[in-house]
C-alpha cells in the first residue's frame, strides 16, 4: 500500500528523535506473508517499542509487545490490563502469539492515511509507556525496577 510505504519512509527519514527506524518488513508478516511494515521507537519506560503494521484483506492490523508473559501475580497483572482496556480507543491488550502481552488493534483499510497512522503509532507509544511500569511491577515483582522519571507524566492511553 503506497500510503504505508510513504508514511514509513517519512518516519524513517526523520529518525533521530523518538523514531529510530521504520519501513517495510522484507517477506511480509512472518505468519501469513501479508505485507507488513514496522516503526521502531525509543521509549523512556521501555527501551524499544516496535509497532508492527500488517495489511490484511479489509483491515490494517497493528500490534506492539508490551511485555513477556507475567511470571508473578498473573491474575492481578491481567486484571490491571483488562481494566485499562476500558480506556483505550481502537486497541486493546491481548494475549500474544508467544504468550506475552500485546497491544493490538485494527483499522479499516479505507481509513488508513497519514493522520490515522500518526494516531495509531502515537497512541501505541503513549499507552505502552504509561502501562509498562505497572504491568512489569505486577508481573515480575522484585526483578523489575522502575526508572526515575526524566520528564513530566503526560502520556495517557
N, C-alpha and C. Protein backbone atom coordinates (compact mmCIF):
# COMPACT_ATOMS: atom_id res chain seq x y z
N UNK A 1 0.86 -1.18 0.00
CA UNK A 1 0.00 0.00 0.00
C UNK A 1 0.90 1.24 0.00
N UNK A 2 0.68 2.11 -0.95
CA UNK A 2 1.53 3.28 -1.14
C UNK A 2 1.52 4.20 0.08
N UNK A 3 0.40 4.33 0.76
CA UNK A 3 0.31 5.19 1.94
C UNK A 3 1.28 4.72 3.02
N UNK A 4 1.32 3.42 3.27
CA UNK A 4 2.22 2.88 4.29
C UNK A 4 3.68 3.01 3.88
N UNK A 5 3.98 2.77 2.61
CA UNK A 5 5.36 2.94 2.14
C UNK A 5 5.82 4.37 2.33
N UNK A 6 5.00 5.33 1.92
CA UNK A 6 5.37 6.74 2.03
C UNK A 6 5.46 7.18 3.50
N UNK A 7 4.49 6.76 4.31
CA UNK A 7 4.48 7.18 5.71
C UNK A 7 5.69 6.63 6.45
N UNK A 8 6.01 5.33 6.28
CA UNK A 8 7.16 4.77 6.98
C UNK A 8 8.47 5.33 6.45
N UNK A 9 8.51 5.64 5.15
CA UNK A 9 9.72 6.28 4.61
C UNK A 9 9.93 7.65 5.25
N UNK A 10 8.86 8.40 5.42
CA UNK A 10 8.94 9.70 6.09
C UNK A 10 9.35 9.56 7.55
N UNK A 11 8.80 8.55 8.22
CA UNK A 11 9.16 8.32 9.62
C UNK A 11 10.62 7.92 9.74
N UNK A 12 11.10 7.10 8.82
CA UNK A 12 12.50 6.67 8.83
C UNK A 12 13.43 7.84 8.54
N UNK A 13 13.02 8.73 7.63
CA UNK A 13 13.84 9.89 7.28
C UNK A 13 13.98 10.85 8.45
N UNK A 14 12.95 10.89 9.30
CA UNK A 14 13.01 11.79 10.46
C UNK A 14 13.59 11.09 11.68
N UNK A 15 14.13 9.88 11.49
CA UNK A 15 14.71 9.13 12.61
C UNK A 15 15.79 9.98 13.27
N UNK A 16 15.94 9.80 14.54
CA UNK A 16 16.87 10.61 15.33
C UNK A 16 16.17 11.14 16.56
N UNK A 17 14.86 11.22 16.50
CA UNK A 17 14.07 11.61 17.66
C UNK A 17 13.56 10.35 18.32
N UNK A 18 12.26 10.26 18.46
CA UNK A 18 11.65 9.08 19.06
C UNK A 18 11.73 7.89 18.11
N UNK A 19 11.44 8.10 16.82
CA UNK A 19 11.51 7.02 15.82
C UNK A 19 12.97 6.76 15.49
N UNK A 20 13.38 5.50 15.61
CA UNK A 20 14.75 5.13 15.30
C UNK A 20 14.86 4.39 13.98
N UNK A 21 13.77 3.77 13.52
CA UNK A 21 13.76 3.07 12.23
C UNK A 21 12.31 2.80 11.84
N UNK A 22 12.07 2.72 10.54
CA UNK A 22 10.74 2.40 10.03
C UNK A 22 10.88 1.94 8.59
N UNK A 23 9.96 1.07 8.18
CA UNK A 23 9.99 0.63 6.79
C UNK A 23 9.23 -0.66 6.59
N UNK A 24 9.28 -1.17 5.36
CA UNK A 24 8.60 -2.44 5.07
C UNK A 24 9.36 -3.61 5.68
N UNK A 25 8.63 -4.64 6.07
CA UNK A 25 9.23 -5.86 6.60
C UNK A 25 9.50 -6.79 5.41
N UNK A 26 10.76 -7.06 5.10
CA UNK A 26 11.05 -7.96 3.98
C UNK A 26 10.37 -9.31 4.16
N UNK A 27 9.69 -9.77 3.14
CA UNK A 27 8.98 -11.04 3.22
C UNK A 27 7.60 -10.93 3.84
N UNK A 28 7.26 -9.76 4.35
CA UNK A 28 5.95 -9.56 4.95
C UNK A 28 5.82 -10.19 6.33
N UNK A 29 4.59 -10.36 6.77
CA UNK A 29 4.29 -10.93 8.08
C UNK A 29 4.82 -12.35 8.16
N UNK A 30 5.48 -12.67 9.27
CA UNK A 30 6.11 -13.98 9.43
C UNK A 30 5.11 -15.14 9.40
N UNK A 31 3.89 -14.92 9.88
CA UNK A 31 2.90 -16.00 9.92
C UNK A 31 2.10 -16.12 8.64
N UNK A 32 1.68 -15.00 8.09
CA UNK A 32 0.77 -15.04 6.94
C UNK A 32 1.42 -14.66 5.61
N UNK A 33 2.55 -13.99 5.67
CA UNK A 33 3.17 -13.50 4.44
C UNK A 33 2.54 -12.21 3.92
N UNK A 34 1.52 -11.71 4.63
CA UNK A 34 0.85 -10.47 4.21
C UNK A 34 1.83 -9.30 4.28
N UNK A 35 1.63 -8.28 3.46
CA UNK A 35 2.51 -7.11 3.51
C UNK A 35 2.54 -6.51 4.91
N UNK A 36 3.75 -6.19 5.39
CA UNK A 36 3.90 -5.68 6.75
C UNK A 36 4.98 -4.60 6.79
N UNK A 37 4.82 -3.69 7.73
CA UNK A 37 5.75 -2.60 7.97
C UNK A 37 6.01 -2.53 9.47
N UNK A 38 7.05 -1.82 9.86
CA UNK A 38 7.36 -1.65 11.27
C UNK A 38 7.77 -0.21 11.54
N UNK A 39 7.57 0.21 12.76
CA UNK A 39 8.05 1.51 13.25
C UNK A 39 8.69 1.23 14.60
N UNK A 40 9.99 1.46 14.70
CA UNK A 40 10.72 1.22 15.95
C UNK A 40 10.98 2.58 16.61
N UNK A 41 10.66 2.65 17.90
CA UNK A 41 10.81 3.91 18.63
C UNK A 41 11.58 3.70 19.92
N UNK A 42 12.19 4.75 20.37
CA UNK A 42 12.89 4.77 21.65
C UNK A 42 11.91 5.26 22.70
N UNK A 43 11.83 4.50 23.80
CA UNK A 43 10.95 4.89 24.89
C UNK A 43 11.74 5.30 26.11
N UNK A 44 11.05 5.85 27.07
CA UNK A 44 11.69 6.18 28.35
C UNK A 44 11.46 5.08 29.37
N UNK A 45 10.25 4.57 29.45
CA UNK A 45 9.94 3.49 30.39
C UNK A 45 10.37 2.14 29.83
N UNK A 46 10.14 1.92 28.57
CA UNK A 46 10.54 0.71 27.86
C UNK A 46 11.55 1.13 26.81
N UNK A 47 12.70 0.50 26.78
CA UNK A 47 13.78 0.93 25.89
C UNK A 47 13.36 1.05 24.43
N UNK A 48 12.76 -0.02 23.90
CA UNK A 48 12.40 -0.08 22.48
C UNK A 48 10.95 -0.51 22.35
N UNK A 49 10.21 0.22 21.53
CA UNK A 49 8.82 -0.10 21.25
C UNK A 49 8.70 -0.23 19.74
N UNK A 50 8.28 -1.39 19.27
CA UNK A 50 8.10 -1.60 17.84
C UNK A 50 6.64 -1.83 17.56
N UNK A 51 6.10 -1.02 16.66
CA UNK A 51 4.72 -1.18 16.21
C UNK A 51 4.78 -1.89 14.86
N UNK A 52 4.09 -3.01 14.76
CA UNK A 52 4.01 -3.77 13.51
C UNK A 52 2.67 -3.46 12.86
N UNK A 53 2.71 -3.18 11.57
CA UNK A 53 1.52 -2.85 10.78
C UNK A 53 1.39 -3.91 9.69
N UNK A 54 0.30 -4.67 9.71
CA UNK A 54 0.11 -5.76 8.74
C UNK A 54 -1.16 -5.51 7.96
N UNK A 55 -1.03 -5.51 6.64
CA UNK A 55 -2.17 -5.26 5.76
C UNK A 55 -2.91 -6.57 5.52
N UNK A 56 -4.13 -6.62 6.03
CA UNK A 56 -4.98 -7.79 5.82
C UNK A 56 -5.99 -7.47 4.74
N UNK A 57 -6.91 -8.36 4.48
CA UNK A 57 -7.84 -8.19 3.37
C UNK A 57 -8.65 -6.88 3.47
N UNK A 58 -9.18 -6.58 4.66
CA UNK A 58 -10.02 -5.39 4.81
C UNK A 58 -9.54 -4.44 5.90
N UNK A 59 -8.52 -4.85 6.63
CA UNK A 59 -8.05 -4.03 7.75
C UNK A 59 -6.54 -3.93 7.78
N UNK A 60 -6.09 -2.89 8.46
CA UNK A 60 -4.68 -2.78 8.81
C UNK A 60 -4.60 -3.20 10.28
N UNK A 61 -3.96 -4.32 10.53
CA UNK A 61 -3.80 -4.84 11.88
C UNK A 61 -2.51 -4.24 12.44
N UNK A 62 -2.57 -3.76 13.68
CA UNK A 62 -1.35 -3.22 14.30
C UNK A 62 -1.18 -3.84 15.68
N UNK A 63 0.10 -4.07 16.03
CA UNK A 63 0.37 -4.63 17.35
C UNK A 63 1.78 -4.25 17.80
N UNK A 64 1.92 -4.24 19.11
CA UNK A 64 3.21 -3.95 19.75
C UNK A 64 3.28 -4.79 21.01
N UNK A 65 4.45 -5.34 21.28
CA UNK A 65 4.60 -6.12 22.51
C UNK A 65 4.74 -5.17 23.69
N UNK A 66 3.96 -5.43 24.73
CA UNK A 66 4.09 -4.68 25.97
C UNK A 66 5.13 -5.35 26.87
N UNK A 67 5.00 -6.67 27.06
CA UNK A 67 5.88 -7.38 27.99
C UNK A 67 5.75 -8.88 27.74
N UNK A 68 6.73 -9.67 28.25
CA UNK A 68 6.58 -11.12 28.20
C UNK A 68 5.44 -11.56 29.11
N UNK A 69 5.10 -12.83 29.03
CA UNK A 69 4.06 -13.38 29.90
C UNK A 69 4.45 -13.15 31.36
N UNK A 70 3.53 -12.64 32.17
CA UNK A 70 3.86 -12.39 33.58
C UNK A 70 4.21 -13.68 34.30
N UNK A 71 5.18 -13.58 35.21
CA UNK A 71 5.63 -14.74 35.98
C UNK A 71 5.07 -14.73 37.40
N UNK A 72 4.72 -13.57 37.90
CA UNK A 72 4.18 -13.43 39.24
C UNK A 72 2.86 -12.67 39.15
N UNK A 73 2.04 -12.82 40.14
CA UNK A 73 0.76 -12.09 40.20
C UNK A 73 0.09 -12.06 38.83
N UNK A 74 -0.01 -13.23 38.21
CA UNK A 74 -0.56 -13.33 36.85
C UNK A 74 -1.98 -12.77 36.80
N UNK A 75 -2.82 -13.19 37.71
CA UNK A 75 -4.21 -12.72 37.73
C UNK A 75 -4.28 -11.20 37.89
N UNK A 76 -3.50 -10.66 38.80
CA UNK A 76 -3.51 -9.22 39.06
C UNK A 76 -2.98 -8.44 37.86
N UNK A 77 -1.98 -8.99 37.19
CA UNK A 77 -1.43 -8.32 36.00
C UNK A 77 -2.48 -8.23 34.91
N UNK A 78 -3.14 -9.37 34.60
CA UNK A 78 -4.16 -9.36 33.56
C UNK A 78 -5.36 -8.52 33.98
N UNK A 79 -5.71 -8.52 35.26
CA UNK A 79 -6.81 -7.68 35.73
C UNK A 79 -6.50 -6.20 35.47
N UNK A 80 -5.28 -5.78 35.80
CA UNK A 80 -4.86 -4.40 35.56
C UNK A 80 -4.99 -4.06 34.07
N UNK A 81 -4.49 -4.94 33.21
CA UNK A 81 -4.51 -4.67 31.77
C UNK A 81 -5.93 -4.67 31.21
N UNK A 82 -6.75 -5.60 31.67
CA UNK A 82 -8.14 -5.63 31.20
C UNK A 82 -8.90 -4.39 31.64
N UNK A 83 -8.62 -3.90 32.83
CA UNK A 83 -9.26 -2.65 33.27
C UNK A 83 -8.79 -1.48 32.41
N UNK A 84 -7.53 -1.48 32.00
CA UNK A 84 -7.00 -0.42 31.13
C UNK A 84 -7.68 -0.44 29.76
N UNK A 85 -8.10 -1.63 29.30
CA UNK A 85 -8.77 -1.74 28.01
C UNK A 85 -9.98 -0.81 27.91
N UNK A 86 -10.65 -0.57 29.03
CA UNK A 86 -11.83 0.29 29.02
C UNK A 86 -11.50 1.72 28.62
N UNK A 87 -10.24 2.13 28.79
CA UNK A 87 -9.82 3.50 28.47
C UNK A 87 -9.25 3.65 27.07
N UNK A 88 -9.07 2.54 26.38
CA UNK A 88 -8.38 2.58 25.08
C UNK A 88 -9.36 2.81 23.94
N UNK A 89 -8.87 3.44 22.88
CA UNK A 89 -9.67 3.69 21.68
C UNK A 89 -9.03 2.96 20.51
N UNK A 90 -9.74 2.00 19.95
CA UNK A 90 -9.28 1.32 18.75
C UNK A 90 -8.17 0.31 18.96
N UNK A 91 -7.88 -0.03 20.20
CA UNK A 91 -6.87 -1.04 20.50
C UNK A 91 -7.16 -1.62 21.87
N UNK A 92 -6.52 -2.76 22.15
CA UNK A 92 -6.74 -3.43 23.44
C UNK A 92 -5.54 -4.31 23.76
N UNK A 93 -5.36 -4.57 25.05
CA UNK A 93 -4.34 -5.53 25.46
C UNK A 93 -4.87 -6.93 25.18
N UNK A 94 -3.96 -7.80 24.72
CA UNK A 94 -4.36 -9.17 24.37
C UNK A 94 -3.19 -10.12 24.61
N UNK A 95 -3.51 -11.39 24.64
CA UNK A 95 -2.50 -12.43 24.75
C UNK A 95 -1.86 -12.58 23.38
N UNK A 96 -0.53 -12.47 23.32
CA UNK A 96 0.19 -12.55 22.06
C UNK A 96 0.46 -13.98 21.62
N UNK A 97 1.03 -14.12 20.41
CA UNK A 97 1.34 -15.42 19.83
C UNK A 97 2.22 -16.28 20.74
N UNK A 98 3.16 -15.67 21.42
CA UNK A 98 4.11 -16.42 22.24
C UNK A 98 3.78 -16.35 23.73
N UNK A 99 2.56 -15.95 24.06
CA UNK A 99 2.13 -15.91 25.46
C UNK A 99 2.37 -14.58 26.15
N UNK A 100 3.05 -13.67 25.48
CA UNK A 100 3.29 -12.35 26.05
C UNK A 100 2.08 -11.45 25.93
N UNK A 101 2.21 -10.24 26.43
CA UNK A 101 1.13 -9.27 26.38
C UNK A 101 1.38 -8.32 25.22
N UNK A 102 0.40 -8.15 24.37
CA UNK A 102 0.49 -7.25 23.23
C UNK A 102 -0.63 -6.22 23.28
N UNK A 103 -0.37 -5.10 22.65
CA UNK A 103 -1.38 -4.08 22.42
C UNK A 103 -1.76 -4.21 20.95
N UNK A 104 -3.01 -4.54 20.67
CA UNK A 104 -3.44 -4.84 19.30
C UNK A 104 -4.62 -3.96 18.89
N UNK A 105 -4.76 -3.80 17.58
CA UNK A 105 -5.90 -3.06 17.06
C UNK A 105 -6.04 -3.25 15.56
N UNK A 106 -7.13 -2.77 15.03
CA UNK A 106 -7.42 -2.85 13.60
C UNK A 106 -8.03 -1.54 13.14
N UNK A 107 -7.68 -1.20 11.91
CA UNK A 107 -8.23 0.00 11.28
C UNK A 107 -8.76 -0.43 9.91
N UNK A 108 -9.98 -0.05 9.54
CA UNK A 108 -10.45 -0.37 8.19
C UNK A 108 -9.49 0.22 7.15
N UNK A 109 -9.21 -0.53 6.11
CA UNK A 109 -8.24 -0.10 5.10
C UNK A 109 -8.60 1.27 4.53
N UNK A 110 -9.87 1.54 4.34
CA UNK A 110 -10.27 2.81 3.73
C UNK A 110 -9.98 4.02 4.64
N UNK A 111 -9.73 3.78 5.93
CA UNK A 111 -9.41 4.88 6.86
C UNK A 111 -7.91 5.11 7.02
N UNK A 112 -7.09 4.29 6.39
CA UNK A 112 -5.64 4.41 6.56
C UNK A 112 -5.12 5.59 5.75
N UNK A 113 -4.64 6.59 6.48
CA UNK A 113 -3.98 7.75 5.88
C UNK A 113 -2.91 8.22 6.86
N UNK A 114 -2.20 9.29 6.52
CA UNK A 114 -1.13 9.77 7.38
C UNK A 114 -1.61 10.09 8.79
N UNK A 115 -2.75 10.75 8.90
CA UNK A 115 -3.26 11.13 10.22
C UNK A 115 -3.60 9.90 11.05
N UNK A 116 -4.21 8.89 10.44
CA UNK A 116 -4.57 7.68 11.17
C UNK A 116 -3.32 6.91 11.60
N UNK A 117 -2.31 6.86 10.74
CA UNK A 117 -1.06 6.19 11.11
C UNK A 117 -0.37 6.95 12.25
N UNK A 118 -0.39 8.27 12.21
CA UNK A 118 0.15 9.07 13.31
C UNK A 118 -0.58 8.75 14.61
N UNK A 119 -1.90 8.65 14.55
CA UNK A 119 -2.70 8.34 15.74
C UNK A 119 -2.39 6.96 16.29
N UNK A 120 -2.36 5.96 15.42
CA UNK A 120 -2.11 4.59 15.85
C UNK A 120 -0.73 4.48 16.50
N UNK A 121 0.29 4.97 15.83
CA UNK A 121 1.65 4.84 16.35
C UNK A 121 1.84 5.70 17.60
N UNK A 122 1.33 6.91 17.60
CA UNK A 122 1.45 7.80 18.76
C UNK A 122 0.71 7.27 19.97
N UNK A 123 -0.50 6.78 19.77
CA UNK A 123 -1.29 6.23 20.87
C UNK A 123 -0.64 4.97 21.42
N UNK A 124 -0.11 4.13 20.53
CA UNK A 124 0.58 2.92 20.98
C UNK A 124 1.77 3.29 21.85
N UNK A 125 2.57 4.23 21.39
CA UNK A 125 3.74 4.67 22.16
C UNK A 125 3.32 5.19 23.53
N UNK A 126 2.33 6.07 23.57
CA UNK A 126 1.88 6.65 24.84
C UNK A 126 1.35 5.59 25.78
N UNK A 127 0.56 4.67 25.26
CA UNK A 127 -0.04 3.65 26.12
C UNK A 127 1.01 2.67 26.65
N UNK A 128 1.93 2.24 25.81
CA UNK A 128 2.98 1.33 26.28
C UNK A 128 3.82 2.02 27.35
N UNK A 129 4.17 3.26 27.12
CA UNK A 129 4.98 3.98 28.09
C UNK A 129 4.25 4.14 29.42
N UNK A 130 2.95 4.35 29.37
CA UNK A 130 2.19 4.55 30.60
C UNK A 130 1.94 3.24 31.35
N UNK A 131 1.64 2.18 30.63
CA UNK A 131 1.24 0.92 31.27
C UNK A 131 2.39 -0.03 31.58
N UNK A 132 3.49 0.10 30.88
CA UNK A 132 4.62 -0.82 31.05
C UNK A 132 5.13 -0.91 32.49
N UNK A 133 5.41 0.20 33.18
CA UNK A 133 5.97 0.07 34.53
C UNK A 133 5.07 -0.67 35.51
N UNK A 134 3.79 -0.36 35.51
CA UNK A 134 2.87 -1.02 36.44
C UNK A 134 2.71 -2.49 36.09
N UNK A 135 2.54 -2.79 34.81
CA UNK A 135 2.38 -4.19 34.39
C UNK A 135 3.63 -5.01 34.73
N UNK A 136 4.80 -4.44 34.50
CA UNK A 136 6.05 -5.15 34.81
C UNK A 136 6.22 -5.32 36.32
N UNK A 137 5.88 -4.30 37.09
CA UNK A 137 6.00 -4.38 38.54
C UNK A 137 5.08 -5.48 39.09
N UNK A 138 3.90 -5.61 38.51
CA UNK A 138 2.99 -6.67 38.94
C UNK A 138 3.47 -8.04 38.48
N UNK A 139 3.82 -8.15 37.23
CA UNK A 139 4.14 -9.44 36.63
C UNK A 139 5.53 -9.97 36.90
N UNK A 140 6.44 -9.08 37.32
CA UNK A 140 7.81 -9.52 37.56
C UNK A 140 8.34 -9.06 38.91
N UNK A 141 7.45 -8.56 39.75
CA UNK A 141 7.75 -8.23 41.14
C UNK A 141 9.11 -7.63 41.41
N UNK A 142 9.88 -8.32 42.20
CA UNK A 142 11.16 -7.80 42.68
C UNK A 142 12.21 -7.67 41.59
N UNK A 143 12.04 -8.34 40.45
CA UNK A 143 13.05 -8.27 39.38
C UNK A 143 12.96 -6.98 38.57
N UNK A 144 11.83 -6.29 38.64
CA UNK A 144 11.65 -5.07 37.84
C UNK A 144 11.86 -3.84 38.70
N UNK A 145 12.67 -2.95 38.23
CA UNK A 145 12.90 -1.67 38.90
C UNK A 145 12.54 -0.54 37.94
N UNK A 146 11.64 0.31 38.38
CA UNK A 146 11.22 1.43 37.55
C UNK A 146 12.34 2.46 37.46
N UNK A 147 12.46 3.03 36.28
CA UNK A 147 13.46 4.08 36.07
C UNK A 147 12.98 5.39 36.66
N UNK A 148 13.90 6.23 37.12
CA UNK A 148 13.49 7.56 37.58
C UNK A 148 12.93 8.36 36.41
N UNK A 149 11.92 9.14 36.68
CA UNK A 149 11.29 9.96 35.63
C UNK A 149 12.22 11.10 35.21
N UNK A 150 12.27 11.31 33.87
CA UNK A 150 13.09 12.41 33.36
C UNK A 150 12.24 13.51 32.74
N UNK A 151 10.94 13.24 32.59
CA UNK A 151 10.02 14.26 32.06
C UNK A 151 8.68 14.14 32.77
N UNK A 152 7.88 15.19 32.72
CA UNK A 152 6.57 15.11 33.39
C UNK A 152 5.70 14.02 32.79
N UNK A 153 4.83 13.47 33.60
CA UNK A 153 3.91 12.44 33.15
C UNK A 153 2.83 13.07 32.29
N UNK A 154 2.91 12.86 30.97
CA UNK A 154 1.93 13.43 30.05
C UNK A 154 1.23 12.36 29.22
N UNK A 155 1.66 11.11 29.32
CA UNK A 155 1.08 10.06 28.50
C UNK A 155 -0.21 9.56 29.12
N UNK A 156 -1.19 9.36 28.26
CA UNK A 156 -2.47 8.79 28.71
C UNK A 156 -2.99 7.89 27.61
N UNK A 157 -3.15 6.61 27.95
CA UNK A 157 -3.69 5.70 26.95
C UNK A 157 -5.17 5.50 27.17
